[in-house]
Amino acid sequence: MCAFKLDNPFETGPMLGKAGENIQVVLGKKRKRPEAAFTSSPFDDLPTENDLVQKYHPKFLGKGGENLVYEAEGRKDLVIKAMKQPLAEQLAFNAFQGLDAEEESIYVDELREGRLKRERERFQKLRDAFGSHVLSQKFFVIPVPVGSNVLGELKTVAGYSGVDLPDYADAGWTIVSLQKRATALEDNRRMTMGGGNLEVHMLRDGSLKNPVMRDVYRYVTDDLMDKDSAEKTEIDVEDLKFLMNKTALAPLLSKAERDPELAAVMSDFQKKAVAYSEKNNDILDIVGRDNIVFHRNQDGAWTYTIIDGLYPFDTEVLSKGREALMKQRMGLQSDRKEANAIGQSVNYVRAINGLGKALNTGTYIDFTPDEMKGDEVKISDYIIGKDKNLSAA
């Protein structure tokens, strides 16, 4: 059995009037490459002749695995998020078809008729589960300015999608969302709900080679994978903090031990996360920093805000993770996306069920396939490999 390698690949902004307005943009003909100019960020260096740049003067705010984030001049209350993965795929599609980067194509039609609808539906499910804790957001398919620096940023997601980017592009089409600016990020005492990509960190720092850490990893991971084992296990807060010591979850747990008000807010989040995941067979994106934030509101009371809660690279990840586990159980090799579904599912379920155990909510995600419950080979064996030379917890 091979050791598991977790994959988490890391989807320029225009154009807004009021939040509810329709956005209509017309790009001019393809222009010559602009001369590079000094800016505060390389991602501000967008094509200066682009109509959208001239009109809205987008200012770069940050980037993550999914989005490039900008603000428009004069609209400090909103942020513009351009999804990187569909942008990379659209640019690659047009290049392959011999079309100019900004031309509409069948791929753009698919974005409008398929993925845009899916993103809106997923977002509504998130709002249904968490209510006002989710920031308001509107989604559109529109052309955005690109340039050489943005194009370079798209290389990782292009590699994940298996597509080849053009050498240069002034503009391209993608899904853009307009989101209310998160005041939670102004709280310097905020804490992130983050389980990290634990397996990646442990492989990189070599801790999985340590017999004690491997045994703790197996014990915590395997006992938190379904309702029955999570309810029966004797895992406590100290076990979780020991295993998750290099993730954002450890300090959050420590703070909750000392602060009953925070613990109550975290319990509300955990129970809603379980309900959301069980209903939709999906995960929240708890890997990125500040995707889900616990912070003080204007009255000084603890609350939480979901800024980027949707996992960006797939849907129904829990279902796909279970299917991939069953495939491996039958001795079949998983492909990259199937292996990633296992890893992302385990990473998420361990964190959410771990919170449930630490906070004593009594509510847990049931991830382990029924056919695998009671198996001698545990889920951790499919991730880090079965090691007969080390004791199993």
Protein backbone atom coordinates (compact mmCIF):
# COMPACT_ATOMS: atom_id res chain seq x y z
CA MET A 1 0.00 0.00 0.00
CA CYS A 2 1.46 3.34 -1.03
CA ALA A 3 1.66 6.28 1.32
CA PHE A 4 -0.86 8.97 0.51
CA LYS A 5 0.16 12.34 -0.95
CA LEU A 6 -2.37 15.06 -0.20
CA ASP A 7 -3.00 17.49 -3.04
CA ASN A 8 -4.48 20.91 -2.42
CA PRO A 9 -3.88 23.13 -5.45
CA PHE A 10 -4.27 26.76 -5.07
CA GLU A 11 -9.76 30.05 -8.83
CA THR A 12 -8.46 40.68 -12.08
CA GLY A 13 -10.85 42.38 -11.17
CA PRO A 14 -13.44 44.80 -12.51
CA MET A 15 -16.21 46.46 -12.25
CA LEU A 16 -18.95 47.39 -9.99
CA GLY A 17 -21.54 49.94 -9.45
CA LYS A 18 -23.96 49.18 -6.65
CA ALA A 19 -23.96 45.65 -5.26
CA GLY A 20 -27.24 44.69 -6.87
CA GLU A 21 -26.60 46.15 -10.28
CA ASN A 22 -26.15 44.03 -13.36
CA ILE A 23 -22.63 44.23 -14.73
CA GLN A 24 -22.21 44.80 -18.43
CA VAL A 25 -18.72 45.13 -19.83
CA VAL A 26 -17.47 45.51 -23.38
CA LEU A 27 -13.79 44.91 -24.04
CA GLY A 28 -12.05 46.54 -26.94
CA LYS A 29 -9.86 44.77 -29.46
CA LYS A 30 -6.71 43.04 -28.36
CA ARG A 31 -3.96 45.53 -27.55
CA LYS A 32 -0.20 45.53 -27.48
CA ARG A 33 1.52 44.41 -24.31
CA PRO A 34 1.80 47.32 -21.88
CA GLU A 35 5.08 48.54 -20.52
CA ALA A 36 5.74 47.43 -16.95
CA ALA A 37 5.28 50.14 -14.33
CA PHE A 38 6.20 50.38 -10.66
CA THR A 39 3.28 49.47 -8.38
CA SER A 40 2.83 48.58 -4.73
CA SER A 41 2.05 44.99 -5.72
CA PRO A 42 2.91 43.07 -8.89
CA PHE A 43 -0.78 42.18 -9.13
CA ASP A 44 -1.65 45.87 -9.50
CA ASP A 45 0.36 45.84 -12.72
CA LEU A 46 -2.62 45.16 -14.98
CA PRO A 47 -2.76 46.25 -18.63
CA THR A 48 -3.05 50.03 -18.34
CA GLU A 49 -4.93 50.39 -21.63
CA ASN A 50 -7.62 47.93 -20.54
CA ASP A 51 -11.06 49.59 -20.41
CA LEU A 52 -11.84 48.05 -17.02
CA VAL A 53 -8.58 49.18 -15.48
CA GLN A 54 -9.09 52.73 -16.74
CA LYS A 55 -12.64 52.85 -15.42
CA TYR A 56 -12.37 51.11 -12.05
CA HIS A 57 -8.66 51.29 -11.10
CA PRO A 58 -8.71 47.94 -9.26
CA LYS A 59 -6.32 47.75 -6.31
CA PHE A 60 -4.89 44.39 -5.28
CA LEU A 61 -5.82 43.25 -1.75
CA GLY A 62 -4.68 39.64 -1.56
CA LYS A 63 -4.81 36.16 -3.02
CA GLY A 64 -5.54 32.62 -1.94
CA GLY A 65 -5.90 29.23 -3.52
CA GLU A 66 -9.10 30.17 -5.30
CA ASN A 67 -9.19 33.91 -5.93
CA LEU A 68 -7.35 37.09 -6.71
CA VAL A 69 -8.94 39.79 -4.58
CA TYR A 70 -9.22 43.48 -5.51
CA GLU A 71 -11.09 46.58 -4.48
CA ALA A 72 -12.49 49.16 -6.90
CA GLU A 73 -11.58 52.79 -6.48
CA GLY A 74 -14.20 54.55 -4.39
CA ARG A 75 -15.89 51.34 -3.17
CA LYS A 76 -14.16 50.45 0.09
CA ASP A 77 -17.24 48.55 1.28
CA LEU A 78 -16.93 45.80 -1.37
CA VAL A 79 -14.23 43.46 -2.61
CA ILE A 80 -13.95 41.84 -6.04
CA LYS A 81 -12.89 38.19 -6.23
CA ALA A 82 -11.82 36.70 -9.55
CA MET A 83 -11.68 32.90 -9.61
CA LYS A 84 -8.34 31.64 -10.83
CA GLN A 85 -9.16 28.13 -12.00
CA PRO A 86 -11.90 28.96 -14.56
CA LEU A 87 -9.82 31.91 -15.77
CA ALA A 88 -6.85 29.63 -16.42
CA GLU A 89 -9.04 27.05 -18.15
CA GLN A 90 -10.73 29.68 -20.34
CA LEU A 91 -7.41 31.20 -21.43
CA ALA A 92 -6.04 27.75 -22.22
CA PHE A 93 -9.19 26.79 -24.16
CA ASN A 94 -9.08 29.90 -26.30
CA ALA A 95 -5.36 29.46 -26.98
CA PHE A 96 -5.94 25.87 -28.06
CA GLN A 97 -8.80 26.94 -30.33
CA GLY A 98 -6.74 29.74 -31.87
CA LEU A 99 -9.00 32.45 -30.43
CA ASP A 100 -7.94 35.71 -28.86
CA ALA A 101 -7.83 35.41 -25.07
CA GLU A 102 -10.79 37.73 -24.45
CA GLU A 103 -13.11 36.29 -27.13
CA GLU A 104 -16.29 34.55 -26.05
CA SER A 105 -16.26 30.81 -26.69
CA ILE A 106 -18.02 27.56 -25.86
CA TYR A 107 -16.08 27.51 -22.59
CA VAL A 108 -17.56 30.90 -21.63
CA ASP A 109 -21.04 29.57 -22.45
CA GLU A 110 -20.38 26.63 -20.13
CA LEU A 111 -19.29 28.99 -17.37
CA ARG A 112 -22.55 30.93 -17.69
CA GLU A 113 -24.85 27.94 -18.06
CA GLY A 114 -23.09 25.46 -15.78
CA ARG A 115 -20.55 26.53 -13.23
CA LEU A 116 -22.09 29.94 -12.47
CA LYS A 117 -25.38 28.28 -11.59
CA ARG A 118 -23.56 25.70 -9.48
CA GLU A 119 -21.65 28.36 -7.53
CA ARG A 120 -24.83 30.29 -6.83
CA GLU A 121 -26.58 27.14 -5.62
CA ARG A 122 -23.65 26.12 -3.40
CA PHE A 123 -23.50 29.58 -1.89
CA GLN A 124 -27.22 29.50 -1.13
CA LYS A 125 -26.80 26.17 0.67
CA LEU A 126 -24.07 27.75 2.76
CA ARG A 127 -26.34 30.69 3.63
CA ASP A 128 -29.17 28.28 4.47
CA ALA A 129 -26.90 26.48 6.94
CA PHE A 130 -25.11 29.42 8.59
CA GLY A 131 -27.38 32.41 7.93
CA SER A 132 -25.93 35.85 8.53
CA HIS A 133 -22.55 34.39 9.51
CA VAL A 134 -21.91 34.10 5.75
CA LEU A 135 -20.99 37.35 4.01
CA SER A 136 -23.33 38.43 1.21
CA GLN A 137 -21.97 37.59 -2.22
CA LYS A 138 -23.08 37.88 -5.86
CA PHE A 139 -21.61 35.93 -8.76
CA PHE A 140 -21.16 36.93 -12.42
CA VAL A 141 -19.33 35.70 -15.52
CA ILE A 142 -17.42 38.63 -16.97
CA PRO A 143 -14.10 39.41 -18.70
CA VAL A 144 -11.28 40.58 -16.44
CA PRO A 145 -7.87 42.17 -17.10
CA VAL A 146 -4.93 39.77 -16.85
CA GLY A 147 -1.35 40.79 -17.69
CA SER A 148 1.90 38.91 -17.15
CA ASN A 149 1.89 38.80 -13.33
CA VAL A 150 -1.66 37.48 -13.08
CA LEU A 151 -0.88 34.96 -15.81
CA GLY A 152 2.08 33.72 -13.76
CA GLU A 153 -0.16 33.30 -10.72
CA LEU A 154 -2.44 31.00 -12.75
CA LYS A 155 0.27 28.40 -13.43
CA THR A 156 -0.51 26.27 -10.37
CA VAL A 157 -4.23 25.92 -11.06
CA ALA A 158 -3.50 25.39 -14.76
CA GLY A 159 -1.24 22.50 -13.81
CA TYR A 160 -3.93 21.04 -11.58
CA SER A 161 -6.46 21.28 -14.41
CA GLY A 162 -3.96 19.87 -16.91
CA VAL A 163 -4.14 22.82 -19.32
CA ASP A 164 -1.52 24.98 -21.06
CA LEU A 165 -1.67 28.74 -20.62
CA PRO A 166 -0.89 31.16 -23.47
CA ASP A 167 2.35 33.15 -23.29
CA TYR A 168 0.44 36.38 -22.73
CA ALA A 169 -3.11 37.64 -22.35
CA ASP A 170 -4.58 41.09 -21.81
CA ALA A 171 -7.91 39.75 -20.57
CA GLY A 172 -9.95 36.61 -20.06
CA TRP A 173 -13.32 35.40 -18.80
CA THR A 174 -14.01 33.97 -15.36
CA ILE A 175 -16.49 33.89 -12.50
CA VAL A 176 -16.25 37.07 -10.46
CA SER A 177 -17.96 37.59 -7.14
CA LEU A 178 -18.77 40.82 -5.36
CA GLN A 179 -18.60 40.44 -1.60
CA LYS A 180 -19.22 42.76 1.30
CA ARG A 181 -15.87 43.65 2.88
CA ALA A 182 -15.22 41.55 5.99
CA THR A 183 -14.99 43.80 9.04
CA ALA A 184 -13.91 40.68 10.93
CA LEU A 185 -10.49 41.02 9.33
CA GLU A 186 -10.04 44.36 11.06
CA ASP A 187 -10.00 42.62 14.46
CA ASN A 188 -6.35 41.93 15.26
CA ARG A 189 -7.45 39.45 17.95
CA ARG A 190 -9.37 37.31 15.50
CA MET A 191 -8.71 33.57 15.41
CA THR A 192 -8.91 31.30 12.38
CA MET A 193 -10.78 28.00 12.20
CA GLY A 194 -8.06 26.05 10.43
CA GLY A 195 -7.20 22.38 10.45
CA GLY A 196 -4.44 22.98 7.93
CA ASN A 197 -3.38 20.26 5.54
CA LEU A 198 -2.09 18.26 8.48
CA GLU A 199 -0.65 15.37 6.48
CA VAL A 200 1.29 17.75 4.23
CA HIS A 201 2.80 19.55 7.23
CA MET A 202 3.72 16.29 8.97
CA LEU A 203 5.35 14.90 5.85
CA ARG A 204 7.31 18.11 5.29
CA ASP A 205 8.61 18.45 8.85
CA GLY A 206 9.34 14.72 9.17
CA SER A 207 7.10 14.21 12.22
CA LEU A 208 5.34 11.26 10.59
CA LYS A 209 8.64 9.38 10.86
CA ASN A 210 8.41 9.68 14.64
CA PRO A 211 6.74 6.52 16.07
CA VAL A 212 4.96 8.47 18.82
CA MET A 213 3.54 11.03 16.39
CA ARG A 214 2.45 8.30 13.97
CA ASP A 215 0.62 6.50 16.75
CA VAL A 216 -1.07 9.71 17.90
CA TYR A 217 -1.94 10.52 14.30
CA ARG A 218 -3.56 7.11 13.79
CA TYR A 219 -5.39 7.19 17.13
CA VAL A 220 -6.90 10.66 16.67
CA THR A 221 -7.63 10.31 12.96
CA ASP A 222 -9.20 6.87 12.98
CA ASP A 223 -11.34 7.50 16.08
CA LEU A 224 -12.86 10.70 14.67
CA MET A 225 -13.97 9.41 11.29
CA ASP A 226 -17.57 8.50 12.17
CA LYS A 227 -20.27 9.09 14.76
CA ASP A 228 -19.96 5.84 16.68
CA SER A 229 -16.19 5.91 17.10
CA ALA A 230 -16.17 9.64 17.90
CA GLU A 231 -18.76 9.15 20.64
CA LYS A 232 -16.89 6.21 22.19
CA THR A 233 -13.30 7.44 21.91
CA GLU A 234 -11.42 8.84 24.89
CA ILE A 235 -9.70 11.48 22.73
CA ASP A 236 -9.55 14.76 24.64
CA VAL A 237 -8.48 18.36 23.99
CA GLU A 238 -4.86 17.66 24.86
CA ASP A 239 -4.65 14.87 22.27
CA LEU A 240 -6.02 17.21 19.62
CA LYS A 241 -3.71 20.09 20.54
CA PHE A 242 -0.71 17.76 20.58
CA LEU A 243 -1.45 16.46 17.08
CA MET A 244 -2.62 19.80 15.65
CA ASN A 245 0.04 21.92 17.37
CA LYS A 246 1.21 23.56 14.12
CA THR A 247 -2.25 24.40 12.85
CA ALA A 248 -4.61 27.28 13.68
CA LEU A 249 -6.92 24.84 15.47
CA ALA A 250 -4.60 24.34 18.46
CA PRO A 251 -4.59 27.97 19.73
CA LEU A 252 -8.32 28.21 19.05
CA LEU A 253 -8.93 25.18 21.28
CA SER A 254 -6.68 26.60 23.98
CA LYS A 255 -8.55 29.91 23.95
CA ALA A 256 -11.92 28.14 24.12
CA GLU A 257 -10.80 26.25 27.23
CA ARG A 258 -10.36 29.58 29.01
CA ASP A 259 -13.31 31.42 27.46
CA PRO A 260 -16.79 29.86 27.81
CA GLU A 261 -18.34 32.50 25.54
CA LEU A 262 -16.00 31.59 22.69
CA ALA A 263 -16.61 27.90 23.35
CA ALA A 264 -20.36 28.45 22.97
CA VAL A 265 -19.89 30.27 19.66
CA MET A 266 -17.56 27.54 18.43
CA SER A 267 -20.15 24.91 19.42
CA ASP A 268 -22.76 26.70 17.32
CA PHE A 269 -20.40 26.70 14.34
CA GLN A 270 -19.51 23.02 14.82
CA LYS A 271 -23.11 21.85 14.97
CA LYS A 272 -24.05 23.88 11.89
CA ALA A 273 -20.98 22.55 10.05
CA VAL A 274 -22.03 18.97 10.79
CA ALA A 275 -25.58 19.65 9.58
CA TYR A 276 -24.29 21.34 6.40
CA SER A 277 -21.89 18.51 5.60
CA GLU A 278 -24.33 15.70 6.34
CA LYS A 279 -27.02 17.33 4.20
CA ASN A 280 -24.80 18.21 1.25
CA ASN A 281 -22.08 15.53 1.47
CA ASP A 282 -19.57 18.34 1.22
CA ILE A 283 -16.82 20.04 3.20
CA LEU A 284 -16.02 23.61 4.16
CA ASP A 285 -12.69 25.11 3.18
CA ILE A 286 -10.91 25.16 6.55
CA VAL A 287 -7.40 25.07 5.10
CA GLY A 288 -6.94 28.67 4.02
CA ARG A 289 -6.12 31.34 6.57
CA ASP A 290 -9.08 33.57 7.51
CA ASN A 291 -11.60 31.58 5.50
CA ILE A 292 -13.60 31.10 8.72
CA VAL A 293 -12.88 33.62 11.46
CA PHE A 294 -13.85 33.87 15.14
CA HIS A 295 -13.80 37.47 16.28
CA ARG A 296 -15.48 40.13 18.42
CA ASN A 297 -18.47 42.06 17.12
CA GLN A 298 -19.06 45.77 17.67
CA ASP A 299 -20.42 45.05 21.14
CA GLY A 300 -17.34 43.05 22.11
CA ALA A 301 -19.11 39.68 22.03
CA TRP A 302 -17.64 36.64 20.29
CA THR A 303 -19.09 35.67 16.93
CA TYR A 304 -17.84 34.10 13.70
CA THR A 305 -17.82 35.05 10.03
CA ILE A 306 -17.51 32.72 7.04
CA ILE A 307 -15.57 34.69 4.43
CA ASP A 308 -14.58 31.92 1.99
CA GLY A 309 -16.32 28.79 3.16
CA LEU A 310 -16.83 26.84 -0.06
CA TYR A 311 -14.16 24.32 -1.04
CA PRO A 312 -13.11 25.66 -4.44
CA PHE A 313 -11.87 22.65 -6.39
CA ASP A 314 -14.69 20.12 -6.20
CA THR A 315 -18.20 19.46 -4.91
CA GLU A 316 -19.69 16.67 -2.77
CA VAL A 317 -16.18 15.90 -1.54
CA LEU A 318 -17.34 13.59 1.28
CA SER A 319 -19.22 11.34 -1.16
CA LYS A 320 -16.24 11.23 -3.50
CA GLY A 321 -13.90 10.55 -0.60
CA ARG A 322 -15.99 7.56 0.51
CA GLU A 323 -16.13 6.22 -3.04
CA ALA A 324 -12.36 6.56 -3.41
CA LEU A 325 -11.80 4.74 -0.10
CA MET A 326 -13.97 1.85 -1.26
CA LYS A 327 -12.05 1.72 -4.52
CA GLN A 328 -8.76 1.44 -2.63
CA ARG A 329 -10.28 -1.15 -0.30
CA MET A 330 -10.93 -3.30 -3.37
CA GLY A 331 -7.27 -2.99 -4.31
CA LEU A 332 -7.77 -0.48 -7.12
CA GLN A 333 -5.50 2.53 -7.61
CA SER A 334 -6.96 5.99 -7.03
CA ASP A 335 -6.23 8.81 -9.42
CA ARG A 336 -5.04 12.20 -8.22
CA LYS A 337 -8.49 13.72 -7.69
CA GLU A 338 -9.79 10.63 -5.89
CA ALA A 339 -6.80 10.59 -3.56
CA ASN A 340 -7.30 14.28 -2.93
CA ALA A 341 -10.98 13.68 -2.04
CA ILE A 342 -9.87 11.19 0.62
CA GLY A 343 -7.28 13.56 2.04
CA GLN A 344 -9.51 16.62 2.09
CA SER A 345 -12.38 14.66 3.65
CA VAL A 346 -10.20 13.21 6.40
CA ASN A 347 -8.58 16.57 7.11
CA TYR A 348 -12.00 18.23 7.45
CA VAL A 349 -13.82 15.51 9.38
CA ARG A 350 -10.97 15.19 11.88
CA ALA A 351 -11.14 18.94 12.62
CA ILE A 352 -14.94 19.22 12.84
CA ASN A 353 -15.45 16.01 14.83
CA GLY A 354 -12.46 16.95 16.97
CA LEU A 355 -14.18 20.23 17.81
CA GLY A 356 -17.32 18.27 18.66
CA LYS A 357 -15.37 16.07 21.05
CA ALA A 358 -13.50 18.98 22.65
CA LEU A 359 -16.68 21.05 23.07
CA ASN A 360 -18.89 18.09 23.96
CA THR A 361 -21.53 18.92 21.36
CA GLY A 362 -22.43 15.26 20.77
CA THR A 363 -22.74 15.99 17.04
CA TYR A 364 -20.45 14.33 14.51
CA ILE A 365 -20.04 13.74 10.76
CA ASP A 366 -20.35 10.09 9.76
CA PHE A 367 -17.66 9.72 7.09
CA THR A 368 -16.46 6.10 7.31
CA PRO A 369 -18.27 3.95 4.68
CA ASP A 370 -20.49 1.37 6.39
CA GLU A 371 -18.59 -1.45 4.66
CA MET A 372 -15.34 -0.30 6.29
CA LYS A 373 -16.57 0.04 9.86
CA GLY A 374 -14.84 -2.62 11.90
CA ASP A 375 -12.18 -3.29 9.25
CA GLU A 376 -8.75 -4.25 10.53
CA VAL A 377 -7.23 -1.84 8.01
CA LYS A 378 -8.08 1.67 9.18
CA ILE A 379 -8.51 4.89 7.22
CA SER A 380 -5.10 6.16 8.36
CA ASP A 381 -3.51 3.18 6.59
CA TYR A 382 -4.86 4.46 3.27
CA ILE A 383 -3.31 7.86 3.91
CA ILE A 384 0.14 7.30 5.43
CA GLY A 385 0.51 3.60 4.63
CA LYS A 386 0.41 0.64 6.99
CA ASP A 387 3.65 0.36 8.95
CA LYS A 388 4.05 -3.07 10.58
CA ASN A 389 7.17 -1.96 12.42
CA LEU A 390 5.23 0.55 14.50
CA SER A 391 2.51 -0.15 17.00
CA ALA A 392 -0.96 0.99 16.12
CA ALA A 393 -2.82 3.00 18.70
